[in-house]
Amino acid sequence: MNRLSRAFALIAVFAAGYAILMLINGQPTDFEISAGVYAAALLGATLFEYVVRLSRKTLAHERAAVWERRDREASTVGPYLTSCAPDWSTTGRYQ
């Protein structure tokens, strides 16, 4: 959980406690308002957690794609580099 979703979860806990107290006290208007705040805060916490997980998954997928592209480029460039290099064993140099 990130900080924003934790803050919304904390607000949801306090709103739920206040809603229960207002229900016990017999004040339906305050109960409805605090229950609405609880629902909105819980929805906000869930939404922020979903967005964080989705962004982490997307970032990991993008990193994997970059490494795959680099590996593919390295495998295709390799034969060209070795074929252009002089073969020192046949030229007689450095023996």
PDB file of N, CA and C in Angstrom:
ATOM      1  N   MET A   1       0.838  -1.186   0.000  1.00  0.00           N
ATOM      2  CA  MET A   1       0.000   0.000   0.000  1.00  0.00           C
ATOM      3  C   MET A   1       0.882   1.249   0.000  1.00  0.00           C
ATOM      4  N   ASN A   2       0.469   2.204  -0.747  1.00  0.00           N
ATOM      5  CA  ASN A   2       1.203   3.454  -0.734  1.00  0.00           C
ATOM      6  C   ASN A   2       0.572   4.408   0.280  1.00  0.00           C
ATOM      7  N   ARG A   3       1.159   5.561   0.428  1.00  0.00           N
ATOM      8  CA  ARG A   3       0.717   6.489   1.471  1.00  0.00           C
ATOM      9  C   ARG A   3      -0.699   6.988   1.248  1.00  0.00           C
ATOM     10  N   LEU A   4      -1.038   7.255   0.005  1.00  0.00           N
ATOM     11  CA  LEU A   4      -2.364   7.798  -0.275  1.00  0.00           C
ATOM     12  C   LEU A   4      -3.460   6.778   0.017  1.00  0.00           C
ATOM     13  N   SER A   5      -3.253   5.533  -0.360  1.00  0.00           N
ATOM     14  CA  SER A   5      -4.269   4.522  -0.071  1.00  0.00           C
ATOM     15  C   SER A   5      -4.338   4.230   1.427  1.00  0.00           C
ATOM     16  N   ARG A   6      -3.214   4.322   2.125  1.00  0.00           N
ATOM     17  CA  ARG A   6      -3.248   4.163   3.582  1.00  0.00           C
ATOM     18  C   ARG A   6      -4.023   5.293   4.246  1.00  0.00           C
ATOM     19  N   ALA A   7      -3.842   6.502   3.754  1.00  0.00           N
ATOM     20  CA  ALA A   7      -4.576   7.643   4.317  1.00  0.00           C
ATOM     21  C   ALA A   7      -6.073   7.471   4.103  1.00  0.00           C
ATOM     22  N   PHE A   8      -6.467   7.041   2.913  1.00  0.00           N
ATOM     23  CA  PHE A   8      -7.886   6.826   2.655  1.00  0.00           C
ATOM     24  C   PHE A   8      -8.438   5.680   3.497  1.00  0.00           C
ATOM     25  N   ALA A   9      -7.644   4.637   3.707  1.00  0.00           N
ATOM     26  CA  ALA A   9      -8.091   3.535   4.556  1.00  0.00           C
ATOM     27  C   ALA A   9      -8.260   3.998   6.002  1.00  0.00           C
ATOM     28  N   LEU A  10      -7.365   4.860   6.469  1.00  0.00           N
ATOM     29  CA  LEU A  10      -7.492   5.394   7.825  1.00  0.00           C
ATOM     30  C   LEU A  10      -8.739   6.261   7.961  1.00  0.00           C
ATOM     31  N   ILE A  11      -8.994   7.080   6.962  1.00  0.00           N
ATOM     32  CA  ILE A  11     -10.221   7.895   6.975  1.00  0.00           C
ATOM     33  C   ILE A  11     -11.448   6.996   6.975  1.00  0.00           C
ATOM     34  N   ALA A  12     -11.396   5.907   6.211  1.00  0.00           N
ATOM     35  CA  ALA A  12     -12.524   4.973   6.173  1.00  0.00           C
ATOM     36  C   ALA A  12     -12.755   4.334   7.537  1.00  0.00           C
ATOM     37  N   VAL A  13     -11.688   3.988   8.237  1.00  0.00           N
ATOM     38  CA  VAL A  13     -11.838   3.383   9.568  1.00  0.00           C
ATOM     39  C   VAL A  13     -12.483   4.366  10.541  1.00  0.00           C
ATOM     40  N   PHE A  14     -11.999   5.613  10.529  1.00  0.00           N
ATOM     41  CA  PHE A  14     -12.589   6.608  11.428  1.00  0.00           C
ATOM     42  C   PHE A  14     -14.036   6.919  11.071  1.00  0.00           C
ATOM     43  N   ALA A  15     -14.338   6.985   9.787  1.00  0.00           N
ATOM     44  CA  ALA A  15     -15.721   7.254   9.371  1.00  0.00           C
ATOM     45  C   ALA A  15     -16.633   6.095   9.742  1.00  0.00           C
ATOM     46  N   ALA A  16     -16.141   4.874   9.640  1.00  0.00           N
ATOM     47  CA  ALA A  16     -16.956   3.718  10.019  1.00  0.00           C
ATOM     48  C   ALA A  16     -17.226   3.717  11.518  1.00  0.00           C
ATOM     49  N   GLY A  17     -16.209   4.028  12.298  1.00  0.00           N
ATOM     50  CA  GLY A  17     -16.417   4.110  13.750  1.00  0.00           C
ATOM     51  C   GLY A  17     -17.409   5.187  14.125  1.00  0.00           C
ATOM     52  N   TYR A  18     -17.307   6.332  13.468  1.00  0.00           N
ATOM     53  CA  TYR A  18     -18.251   7.426  13.732  1.00  0.00           C
ATOM     54  C   TYR A  18     -19.662   7.039  13.294  1.00  0.00           C
ATOM     55  N   ALA A  19     -19.767   6.321  12.173  1.00  0.00           N
ATOM     56  CA  ALA A  19     -21.083   5.888  11.704  1.00  0.00           C
ATOM     57  C   ALA A  19     -21.732   4.927  12.701  1.00  0.00           C
ATOM     58  N   ILE A  20     -20.944   4.033  13.248  1.00  0.00           N
ATOM     59  CA  ILE A  20     -21.485   3.091  14.235  1.00  0.00           C
ATOM     60  C   ILE A  20     -21.952   3.835  15.484  1.00  0.00           C
ATOM     61  N   LEU A  21     -21.144   4.796  15.927  1.00  0.00           N
ATOM     62  CA  LEU A  21     -21.549   5.577  17.099  1.00  0.00           C
ATOM     63  C   LEU A  21     -22.833   6.367  16.852  1.00  0.00           C
ATOM     64  N   MET A  22     -22.973   6.932  15.667  1.00  0.00           N
ATOM     65  CA  MET A  22     -24.181   7.703  15.359  1.00  0.00           C
ATOM     66  C   MET A  22     -25.393   6.795  15.222  1.00  0.00           C
ATOM     67  N   LEU A  23     -25.204   5.568  14.753  1.00  0.00           N
ATOM     68  CA  LEU A  23     -26.301   4.611  14.678  1.00  0.00           C
ATOM     69  C   LEU A  23     -26.757   4.209  16.073  1.00  0.00           C
ATOM     70  N   ILE A  24     -25.797   4.009  16.967  1.00  0.00           N
ATOM     71  CA  ILE A  24     -26.125   3.668  18.356  1.00  0.00           C
ATOM     72  C   ILE A  24     -26.834   4.843  19.033  1.00  0.00           C
ATOM     73  N   ASN A  25     -26.371   6.054  18.727  1.00  0.00           N
ATOM     74  CA  ASN A  25     -26.950   7.266  19.316  1.00  0.00           C
ATOM     75  C   ASN A  25     -28.349   7.565  18.791  1.00  0.00           C
ATOM     76  N   GLY A  26     -28.720   7.012  17.666  1.00  0.00           N
ATOM     77  CA  GLY A  26     -30.048   7.250  17.109  1.00  0.00           C
ATOM     78  C   GLY A  26     -30.114   8.496  16.245  1.00  0.00           C
ATOM     79  N   GLN A  27     -29.049   8.867  15.603  1.00  0.00           N
ATOM     80  CA  GLN A  27     -29.028  10.036  14.711  1.00  0.00           C
ATOM     81  C   GLN A  27     -28.827   9.544  13.279  1.00  0.00           C
ATOM     82  N   PRO A  28     -29.926   9.298  12.563  1.00  0.00           N
ATOM     83  CA  PRO A  28     -29.816   8.687  11.237  1.00  0.00           C
ATOM     84  C   PRO A  28     -29.146   9.597  10.197  1.00  0.00           C
ATOM     85  N   THR A  29     -29.319  10.892  10.316  1.00  0.00           N
ATOM     86  CA  THR A  29     -28.719  11.794   9.321  1.00  0.00           C
ATOM     87  C   THR A  29     -27.195  11.748   9.426  1.00  0.00           C
ATOM     88  N   ASP A  30     -26.673  11.847  10.629  1.00  0.00           N
ATOM     89  CA  ASP A  30     -25.223  11.766  10.803  1.00  0.00           C
ATOM     90  C   ASP A  30     -24.697  10.389  10.408  1.00  0.00           C
ATOM     91  N   PHE A  31     -25.490   9.356  10.669  1.00  0.00           N
ATOM     92  CA  PHE A  31     -25.089   8.014  10.271  1.00  0.00           C
ATOM     93  C   PHE A  31     -24.968   7.909   8.755  1.00  0.00           C
ATOM     94  N   GLU A  32     -25.959   8.444   8.051  1.00  0.00           N
ATOM     95  CA  GLU A  32     -25.927   8.362   6.585  1.00  0.00           C
ATOM     96  C   GLU A  32     -24.733   9.120   6.002  1.00  0.00           C
ATOM     97  N   ILE A  33     -24.459  10.277   6.548  1.00  0.00           N
ATOM     98  CA  ILE A  33     -23.332  11.073   6.048  1.00  0.00           C
ATOM     99  C   ILE A  33     -22.014  10.357   6.312  1.00  0.00           C
ATOM    100  N   SER A  34     -21.824   9.868   7.530  1.00  0.00           N
ATOM    101  CA  SER A  34     -20.572   9.194   7.843  1.00  0.00           C
ATOM    102  C   SER A  34     -20.446   7.863   7.105  1.00  0.00           C
ATOM    103  N   ALA A  35     -21.561   7.193   6.852  1.00  0.00           N
ATOM    104  CA  ALA A  35     -21.504   5.961   6.051  1.00  0.00           C
ATOM    105  C   ALA A  35     -21.116   6.277   4.605  1.00  0.00           C
ATOM    106  N   GLY A  36     -21.606   7.396   4.090  1.00  0.00           N
ATOM    107  CA  GLY A  36     -21.211   7.825   2.751  1.00  0.00           C
ATOM    108  C   GLY A  36     -19.737   8.179   2.679  1.00  0.00           C
ATOM    109  N   VAL A  37     -19.239   8.858   3.709  1.00  0.00           N
ATOM    110  CA  VAL A  37     -17.804   9.186   3.758  1.00  0.00           C
ATOM    111  C   VAL A  37     -16.983   7.911   3.841  1.00  0.00           C
ATOM    112  N   TYR A  38     -17.456   6.952   4.632  1.00  0.00           N
ATOM    113  CA  TYR A  38     -16.771   5.666   4.739  1.00  0.00           C
ATOM    114  C   TYR A  38     -16.697   4.973   3.387  1.00  0.00           C
ATOM    115  N   ALA A  39     -17.833   4.930   2.682  1.00  0.00           N
ATOM    116  CA  ALA A  39     -17.865   4.255   1.386  1.00  0.00           C
ATOM    117  C   ALA A  39     -16.953   4.953   0.380  1.00  0.00           C
ATOM    118  N   ALA A  40     -16.971   6.280   0.371  1.00  0.00           N
ATOM    119  CA  ALA A  40     -16.122   7.023  -0.564  1.00  0.00           C
ATOM    120  C   ALA A  40     -14.640   6.820  -0.240  1.00  0.00           C
ATOM    121  N   ALA A  41     -14.288   6.827   1.026  1.00  0.00           N
ATOM    122  CA  ALA A  41     -12.891   6.639   1.416  1.00  0.00           C
ATOM    123  C   ALA A  41     -12.421   5.223   1.097  1.00  0.00           C
ATOM    124  N   LEU A  42     -13.279   4.251   1.333  1.00  0.00           N
ATOM    125  CA  LEU A  42     -12.916   2.874   1.016  1.00  0.00           C
ATOM    126  C   LEU A  42     -12.768   2.681  -0.493  1.00  0.00           C
ATOM    127  N   LEU A  43     -13.639   3.293  -1.255  1.00  0.00           N
ATOM    128  CA  LEU A  43     -13.531   3.230  -2.708  1.00  0.00           C
ATOM    129  C   LEU A  43     -12.258   3.925  -3.188  1.00  0.00           C
ATOM    130  N   GLY A  44     -11.935   5.063  -2.581  1.00  0.00           N
ATOM    131  CA  GLY A  44     -10.709   5.772  -2.936  1.00  0.00           C
ATOM    132  C   GLY A  44      -9.464   4.957  -2.627  1.00  0.00           C
ATOM    133  N   ALA A  45      -9.428   4.317  -1.471  1.00  0.00           N
ATOM    134  CA  ALA A  45      -8.276   3.485  -1.107  1.00  0.00           C
ATOM    135  C   ALA A  45      -8.119   2.321  -2.074  1.00  0.00           C
ATOM    136  N   THR A  46      -9.231   1.695  -2.432  1.00  0.00           N
ATOM    137  CA  THR A  46      -9.189   0.583  -3.373  1.00  0.00           C
ATOM    138  C   THR A  46      -8.738   1.046  -4.751  1.00  0.00           C
ATOM    139  N   LEU A  47      -9.240   2.184  -5.179  1.00  0.00           N
ATOM    140  CA  LEU A  47      -8.874   2.712  -6.488  1.00  0.00           C
ATOM    141  C   LEU A  47      -7.391   3.060  -6.557  1.00  0.00           C
ATOM    142  N   PHE A  48      -6.867   3.719  -5.531  1.00  0.00           N
ATOM    143  CA  PHE A  48      -5.454   4.069  -5.532  1.00  0.00           C
ATOM    144  C   PHE A  48      -4.573   2.830  -5.490  1.00  0.00           C
ATOM    145  N   GLU A  49      -4.968   1.820  -4.751  1.00  0.00           N
ATOM    146  CA  GLU A  49      -4.190   0.586  -4.700  1.00  0.00           C
ATOM    147  C   GLU A  49      -4.203  -0.112  -6.057  1.00  0.00           C
ATOM    148  N   TYR A  50      -5.338  -0.093  -6.735  1.00  0.00           N
ATOM    149  CA  TYR A  50      -5.428  -0.697  -8.068  1.00  0.00           C
ATOM    150  C   TYR A  50      -4.538   0.040  -9.061  1.00  0.00           C
ATOM    151  N   VAL A  51      -4.543   1.357  -9.000  1.00  0.00           N
ATOM    152  CA  VAL A  51      -3.719   2.153  -9.915  1.00  0.00           C
ATOM    153  C   VAL A  51      -2.235   1.900  -9.664  1.00  0.00           C
ATOM    154  N   VAL A  52      -1.836   1.798  -8.411  1.00  0.00           N
ATOM    155  CA  VAL A  52      -0.424   1.539  -8.092  1.00  0.00           C
ATOM    156  C   VAL A  52      -0.012   0.162  -8.609  1.00  0.00           C
ATOM    157  N   ARG A  53      -0.842  -0.848  -8.404  1.00  0.00           N
ATOM    158  CA  ARG A  53      -0.512  -2.192  -8.890  1.00  0.00           C
ATOM    159  C   ARG A  53      -0.445  -2.229 -10.406  1.00  0.00           C
ATOM    160  N   LEU A  54      -1.377  -1.543 -11.063  1.00  0.00           N
ATOM    161  CA  LEU A  54      -1.384  -1.515 -12.516  1.00  0.00           C
ATOM    162  C   LEU A  54      -0.149  -0.810 -13.061  1.00  0.00           C
ATOM    163  N   SER A  55       0.251   0.283 -12.423  1.00  0.00           N
ATOM    164  CA  SER A  55       1.433   0.995 -12.905  1.00  0.00           C
ATOM    165  C   SER A  55       2.701   0.179 -12.670  1.00  0.00           C
ATOM    166  N   ARG A  56       2.774  -0.534 -11.557  1.00  0.00           N
ATOM    167  CA  ARG A  56       3.939  -1.393 -11.315  1.00  0.00           C
ATOM    168  C   ARG A  56       4.010  -2.530 -12.313  1.00  0.00           C
ATOM    169  N   LYS A  57       2.860  -3.123 -12.624  1.00  0.00           N
ATOM    170  CA  LYS A  57       2.829  -4.209 -13.589  1.00  0.00           C
ATOM    171  C   LYS A  57       3.215  -3.694 -14.980  1.00  0.00           C
ATOM    172  N   THR A  58       2.725  -2.519 -15.336  1.00  0.00           N
ATOM    173  CA  THR A  58       3.060  -1.938 -16.628  1.00  0.00           C
ATOM    174  C   THR A  58       4.545  -1.609 -16.712  1.00  0.00           C
ATOM    175  N   LEU A  59       5.086  -1.070 -15.643  1.00  0.00           N
ATOM    176  CA  LEU A  59       6.510  -0.743 -15.622  1.00  0.00           C
ATOM    177  C   LEU A  59       7.362  -1.995 -15.761  1.00  0.00           C
ATOM    178  N   ALA A  60       6.984  -3.054 -15.077  1.00  0.00           N
ATOM    179  CA  ALA A  60       7.734  -4.312 -15.179  1.00  0.00           C
ATOM    180  C   ALA A  60       7.636  -4.880 -16.592  1.00  0.00           C
ATOM    181  N   HIS A  61       6.455  -4.770 -17.206  1.00  0.00           N
ATOM    182  CA  HIS A  61       6.281  -5.256 -18.571  1.00  0.00           C
ATOM    183  C   HIS A  61       7.130  -4.453 -19.551  1.00  0.00           C
ATOM    184  N   GLU A  62       7.188  -3.136 -19.365  1.00  0.00           N
ATOM    185  CA  GLU A  62       8.002  -2.289 -20.236  1.00  0.00           C
ATOM    186  C   GLU A  62       9.483  -2.593 -20.073  1.00  0.00           C
ATOM    187  N   ARG A  63       9.921  -2.822 -18.845  1.00  0.00           N
ATOM    188  CA  ARG A  63      11.322  -3.165 -18.622  1.00  0.00           C
ATOM    189  C   ARG A  63      11.673  -4.490 -19.284  1.00  0.00           C
ATOM    190  N   ALA A  64      10.766  -5.457 -19.177  1.00  0.00           N
ATOM    191  CA  ALA A  64      11.008  -6.747 -19.809  1.00  0.00           C
ATOM    192  C   ALA A  64      11.066  -6.599 -21.326  1.00  0.00           C
ATOM    193  N   ALA A  65      10.219  -5.750 -21.877  1.00  0.00           N
ATOM    194  CA  ALA A  65      10.239  -5.533 -23.326  1.00  0.00           C
ATOM    195  C   ALA A  65      11.543  -4.878 -23.760  1.00  0.00           C
ATOM    196  N   VAL A  66      12.051  -3.951 -22.976  1.00  0.00           N
ATOM    197  CA  VAL A  66      13.315  -3.296 -23.305  1.00  0.00           C
ATOM    198  C   VAL A  66      14.452  -4.309 -23.283  1.00  0.00           C
ATOM    199  N   TRP A  67      14.496  -5.149 -22.258  1.00  0.00           N
ATOM    200  CA  TRP A  67      15.571  -6.144 -22.175  1.00  0.00           C
ATOM    201  C   TRP A  67      15.454  -7.164 -23.297  1.00  0.00           C
ATOM    202  N   GLU A  68      14.230  -7.525 -23.657  1.00  0.00           N
ATOM    203  CA  GLU A  68      14.043  -8.459 -24.759  1.00  0.00           C
ATOM    204  C   GLU A  68      14.522  -7.839 -26.077  1.00  0.00           C
ATOM    205  N   ARG A  69      14.215  -6.560 -26.286  1.00  0.00           N
ATOM    206  CA  ARG A  69      14.665  -5.873 -27.494  1.00  0.00           C
ATOM    207  C   ARG A  69      16.188  -5.777 -27.520  1.00  0.00           C
ATOM    208  N   ARG A  70      16.793  -5.475 -26.380  1.00  0.00           N
ATOM    209  CA  ARG A  70      18.256  -5.396 -26.324  1.00  0.00           C
ATOM    210  C   ARG A  70      18.896  -6.743 -26.616  1.00  0.00           C
ATOM    211  N   ASP A  71      18.322  -7.807 -26.063  1.00  0.00           N
ATOM    212  CA  ASP A  71      18.859  -9.141 -26.329  1.00  0.00           C
ATOM    213  C   ASP A  71      18.715  -9.501 -27.802  1.00  0.00           C
ATOM    214  N   ARG A  72      17.572  -9.148 -28.393  1.00  0.00           N
ATOM    215  CA  ARG A  72      17.351  -9.448 -29.798  1.00  0.00           C
ATOM    216  C   ARG A  72      18.330  -8.667 -30.678  1.00  0.00           C
ATOM    217  N   GLU A  73      18.546  -7.393 -30.345  1.00  0.00           N
ATOM    218  CA  GLU A  73      19.497  -6.593 -31.113  1.00  0.00           C
ATOM    219  C   GLU A  73      20.926  -7.118 -30.950  1.00  0.00           C
ATOM    220  N   ALA A  74      21.262  -7.538 -29.760  1.00  0.00           N
ATOM    221  CA  ALA A  74      22.608  -8.065 -29.528  1.00  0.00           C
ATOM    222  C   ALA A  74      22.829  -9.368 -30.291  1.00  0.00           C
ATOM    223  N   SER A  75      21.803 -10.170 -30.405  1.00  0.00           N
ATOM    224  CA  SER A  75      21.959 -11.437 -31.116  1.00  0.00           C
ATOM    225  C   SER A  75      22.032 -11.226 -32.627  1.00  0.00           C
ATOM    226  N   THR A  76      21.390 -10.194 -33.148  1.00  0.00           N
ATOM    227  CA  THR A  76      21.455  -9.951 -34.590  1.00  0.00           C
ATOM    228  C   THR A  76      22.701  -9.186 -34.981  1.00  0.00           C
ATOM    229  N   VAL A  77      23.256  -8.383 -34.091  1.00  0.00           N
ATOM    230  CA  VAL A  77      24.451  -7.597 -34.399  1.00  0.00           C
ATOM    231  C   VAL A  77      25.696  -8.454 -34.293  1.00  0.00           C
ATOM    232  N   GLY A  78      25.695  -9.459 -33.455  1.00  0.00           N
ATOM    233  CA  GLY A  78      26.869 -10.275 -33.192  1.00  0.00           C
ATOM    234  C   GLY A  78      27.523 -10.875 -34.422  1.00  0.00           C
ATOM    235  N   PRO A  79      26.805 -11.572 -35.301  1.00  0.00           N
ATOM    236  CA  PRO A  79      27.460 -12.176 -36.473  1.00  0.00           C
ATOM    237  C   PRO A  79      28.061 -11.145 -37.418  1.00  0.00           C
ATOM    238  N   TYR A  80      27.454  -9.978 -37.534  1.00  0.00           N
ATOM    239  CA  TYR A  80      27.993  -8.959 -38.426  1.00  0.00           C
ATOM    240  C   TYR A  80      29.326  -8.433 -37.907  1.00  0.00           C
ATOM    241  N   LEU A  81      29.420  -8.281 -36.625  1.00  0.00           N
ATOM    242  CA  LEU A  81      30.666  -7.776 -36.067  1.00  0.00           C
ATOM    243  C   LEU A  81      31.795  -8.787 -36.213  1.00  0.00           C
ATOM    244  N   THR A  82      31.501 -10.038 -36.014  1.00  0.00           N
ATOM    245  CA  THR A  82      32.553 -11.039 -36.116  1.00  0.00           C
ATOM    246  C   THR A  82      32.959 -11.274 -37.561  1.00  0.00           C
ATOM    247  N   SER A  83      32.043 -11.108 -38.515  1.00  0.00           N
ATOM    248  CA  SER A  83      32.408 -11.338 -39.910  1.00  0.00           C
ATOM    249  C   SER A  83      33.225 -10.187 -40.469  1.00  0.00           C
ATOM    250  N   CYS A  84      33.097  -8.986 -39.936  1.00  0.00           N
ATOM    251  CA  CYS A  84      33.851  -7.836 -40.418  1.00  0.00           C
ATOM    252  C   CYS A  84      35.232  -7.740 -39.773  1.00  0.00           C
ATOM    253  N   ALA A  85      35.431  -8.414 -38.682  1.00  0.00           N
ATOM    254  CA  ALA A  85      36.711  -8.324 -37.975  1.00  0.00           C
ATOM    255  C   ALA A  85      37.760  -9.140 -38.719  1.00  0.00           C
ATOM    256  N   PRO A  86      38.990  -8.658 -38.741  1.00  0.00           N
ATOM    257  CA  PRO A  86      40.040  -9.431 -39.431  1.00  0.00           C
ATOM    258  C   PRO A  86      40.368 -10.690 -38.650  1.00  0.00           C
ATOM    259  N   ASP A  87      40.693 -11.709 -39.360  1.00  0.00           N
ATOM    260  CA  ASP A  87      41.048 -12.979 -38.743  1.00  0.00           C
ATOM    261  C   ASP A  87      42.555 -12.998 -38.560  1.00  0.00           C
ATOM    262  N   TRP A  88      43.030 -12.751 -37.361  1.00  0.00           N
ATOM    263  CA  TRP A  88      44.457 -12.614 -37.090  1.00  0.00           C
ATOM    264  C   TRP A  88      45.191 -13.931 -37.221  1.00  0.00           C
ATOM    265  N   SER A  89      44.484 -15.040 -37.113  1.00  0.00           N
ATOM    266  CA  SER A  89      45.182 -16.329 -37.206  1.00  0.00           C
ATOM    267  C   SER A  89      45.628 -16.625 -38.632  1.00  0.00           C
ATOM    268  N   THR A  90      44.946 -16.128 -39.648  1.00  0.00           N
ATOM    269  CA  THR A  90      45.326 -16.411 -41.044  1.00  0.00           C
ATOM    270  C   THR A  90      46.257 -15.359 -41.615  1.00  0.00           C
ATOM    271  N   THR A  91      46.306 -14.157 -41.045  1.00  0.00           N
ATOM    272  CA  THR A  91      47.160 -13.125 -41.614  1.00  0.00           C
ATOM    273  C   THR A  91      48.586 -13.239 -41.140  1.00  0.00           C
ATOM    274  N   GLY A  92      48.840 -13.940 -40.096  1.00  0.00           N
ATOM    275  CA  GLY A  92      50.189 -14.125 -39.617  1.00  0.00           C
ATOM    276  C   GLY A  92      50.650 -13.078 -38.643  1.00  0.00           C
ATOM    277  N   ARG A  93      49.864 -12.117 -38.303  1.00  0.00           N
ATOM    278  CA  ARG A  93      50.265 -11.086 -37.344  1.00  0.00           C
ATOM    279  C   ARG A  93      50.129 -11.620 -35.913  1.00  0.00           C
ATOM    280  N   TYR A  94      50.923 -11.054 -35.043  1.00  0.00           N
ATOM    281  CA  TYR A  94      50.891 -11.340 -33.605  1.00  0.00           C
ATOM    282  C   TYR A  94      51.033 -12.831 -33.315  1.00  0.00           C
ATOM    283  N   GLN A  95      51.923 -13.490 -34.029  1.00  0.00           N
ATOM    284  CA  GLN A  95      52.138 -14.911 -33.744  1.00  0.00           C
ATOM    285  C   GLN A  95      53.488 -15.121 -33.128  1.00  0.00           C
TER     286      GLN A  95
END
